């Protein structure tokens, strides 16, 4: 082990799973849109792909305990939680995404977690 807190490594992995999910959604929308109207597919895929790329950057920052990663992961996941609350609360994927965002936010707010990023 590299001396990183286990919980932070779990958060990084959760962030990676979320990023891969967003990238997969973006890729699916690109392919589905290509069958209909290519520009439509690109427009639909733009935001999921951007969110996935941001998630990968945050994964790297969390994994390597970069100081900037704590703040940006907190902001990113707070926004994700708010969007999840505004979404369809009967959709299982939305609920899973909401739960992951809330878990990450709660863990990031623990003082010992914050200290790991200083």
Protein backbone atom coordinates (compact mmCIF):
# COMPACT_ATOMS: atom_id res chain seq x y z
CA UNK A 1 0.00 0.00 0.00
CA UNK A 2 1.25 3.46 -0.79
CA UNK A 3 0.13 5.12 2.45
CA UNK A 4 -3.09 6.43 0.95
CA UNK A 5 -6.21 6.17 3.10
CA UNK A 6 -8.29 3.19 1.96
CA UNK A 7 -11.46 5.28 1.91
CA UNK A 8 -9.89 7.78 -0.47
CA UNK A 9 -8.90 4.96 -2.81
CA UNK A 10 -12.48 3.68 -2.71
CA UNK A 11 -13.72 7.19 -3.54
CA UNK A 12 -11.32 7.37 -6.46
CA UNK A 13 -12.60 4.03 -7.75
CA UNK A 14 -16.23 5.18 -7.36
CA UNK A 15 -15.30 8.32 -9.31
CA UNK A 16 -13.71 6.15 -12.02
CA UNK A 17 -16.81 3.94 -12.25
CA UNK A 18 -18.98 7.03 -12.64
CA UNK A 19 -16.66 8.48 -15.30
CA UNK A 20 -16.66 5.25 -17.29
CA UNK A 21 -20.47 5.12 -17.07
CA UNK A 22 -20.77 8.66 -18.45
CA UNK A 23 -18.28 7.90 -21.24
CA UNK A 24 -20.20 4.72 -22.13
CA UNK A 25 -23.45 6.69 -22.25
CA UNK A 26 -21.80 9.30 -24.47
CA UNK A 27 -20.46 6.62 -26.82
CA UNK A 28 -23.89 4.96 -26.98
CA UNK A 29 -25.55 8.29 -27.79
CA UNK A 30 -22.98 8.96 -30.51
CA UNK A 31 -23.67 5.58 -32.11
CA UNK A 32 -27.44 5.86 -31.74
CA UNK A 33 -27.41 9.40 -33.07
CA UNK A 34 -25.30 8.37 -36.06
CA UNK A 35 -28.16 6.11 -37.15
CA UNK A 36 -30.61 9.01 -37.02
CA UNK A 37 -28.90 12.33 -37.58
CA UNK A 38 -25.16 12.55 -36.89
CA UNK A 39 -25.35 16.13 -35.59
CA UNK A 40 -28.14 15.09 -33.23
CA UNK A 41 -26.01 12.25 -31.86
CA UNK A 42 -23.05 14.58 -31.33
CA UNK A 43 -25.21 17.10 -29.50
CA UNK A 44 -26.76 14.43 -27.28
CA UNK A 45 -23.36 12.86 -26.52
CA UNK A 46 -21.52 16.12 -25.81
CA UNK A 47 -22.46 16.56 -22.14
CA UNK A 48 -22.08 12.92 -21.07
CA UNK A 49 -18.65 12.81 -22.72
CA UNK A 50 -17.56 16.06 -21.03
CA UNK A 51 -18.80 14.81 -17.65
CA UNK A 52 -16.95 11.53 -18.22
CA UNK A 53 -13.71 13.33 -19.06
CA UNK A 54 -14.04 15.55 -15.98
CA UNK A 55 -14.68 12.40 -13.94
CA UNK A 56 -11.47 10.82 -15.26
CA UNK A 57 -9.50 13.94 -14.31
CA UNK A 58 -11.04 13.85 -10.83
CA UNK A 59 -10.22 10.15 -10.53
CA UNK A 60 -6.57 10.95 -11.24
CA UNK A 61 -6.57 13.76 -8.70
CA UNK A 62 -8.22 11.65 -6.01
CA UNK A 63 -5.97 8.67 -6.70
CA UNK A 64 -2.82 10.78 -6.44
CA UNK A 65 -4.13 12.91 -3.53
CA UNK A 66 -3.81 16.18 -5.44
CA UNK A 67 -4.93 19.17 -3.37
CA UNK A 68 -7.21 20.52 -6.11
CA UNK A 69 -9.04 17.20 -6.40
CA UNK A 70 -10.76 17.51 -3.03
CA UNK A 71 -12.49 20.79 -3.88
CA UNK A 72 -13.39 19.87 -7.45
CA UNK A 73 -14.62 16.39 -6.51
CA UNK A 74 -16.78 17.99 -3.82
CA UNK A 75 -18.25 20.54 -6.27
CA UNK A 76 -18.71 17.97 -9.05
CA UNK A 77 -20.47 15.48 -6.77
CA UNK A 78 -22.61 18.12 -5.06
CA UNK A 79 -23.84 19.15 -8.50
CA UNK A 80 -24.39 15.49 -9.33
CA UNK A 81 -26.44 15.02 -6.17
CA UNK A 82 -28.58 18.09 -6.90
CA UNK A 83 -29.16 16.96 -10.47
CA UNK A 84 -30.01 13.48 -9.16
CA UNK A 85 -32.58 14.95 -6.77
CA UNK A 86 -34.13 16.92 -9.61
CA UNK A 87 -34.23 13.83 -11.82
CA UNK A 88 -36.55 10.87 -11.91
CA UNK A 89 -36.44 9.35 -8.42
CA UNK A 90 -38.08 6.16 -9.67
CA UNK A 91 -35.23 5.48 -12.12
CA UNK A 92 -32.79 3.00 -10.60
CA UNK A 93 -29.78 4.38 -12.50
CA UNK A 94 -30.55 7.89 -11.28
CA UNK A 95 -30.83 6.60 -7.71
CA UNK A 96 -27.51 4.75 -7.97
CA UNK A 97 -25.81 7.85 -9.37
CA UNK A 98 -27.37 9.97 -6.63
CA UNK A 99 -26.23 7.52 -3.94
CA UNK A 100 -22.64 7.46 -5.24
CA UNK A 101 -22.51 11.26 -5.35
CA UNK A 102 -23.86 11.52 -1.79
CA UNK A 103 -21.39 8.91 -0.50
CA UNK A 104 -18.48 10.75 -2.10
CA UNK A 105 -19.62 14.13 -0.71
CA UNK A 106 -20.08 12.75 2.81
CA UNK A 107 -16.69 11.06 2.82
CA UNK A 108 -14.93 14.13 1.40
CA UNK A 109 -16.34 16.21 4.26
CA UNK A 110 -14.76 14.01 6.94
CA UNK A 111 -11.83 15.99 8.44
CA UNK A 112 -9.33 13.13 8.10
CA UNK A 113 -10.20 12.80 4.41
CA UNK A 114 -9.67 16.51 3.88
CA UNK A 115 -6.32 16.29 5.66
CA UNK A 116 -5.14 13.60 3.22
CA UNK A 117 -5.34 16.13 0.38
CA UNK A 118 -3.22 18.84 2.03
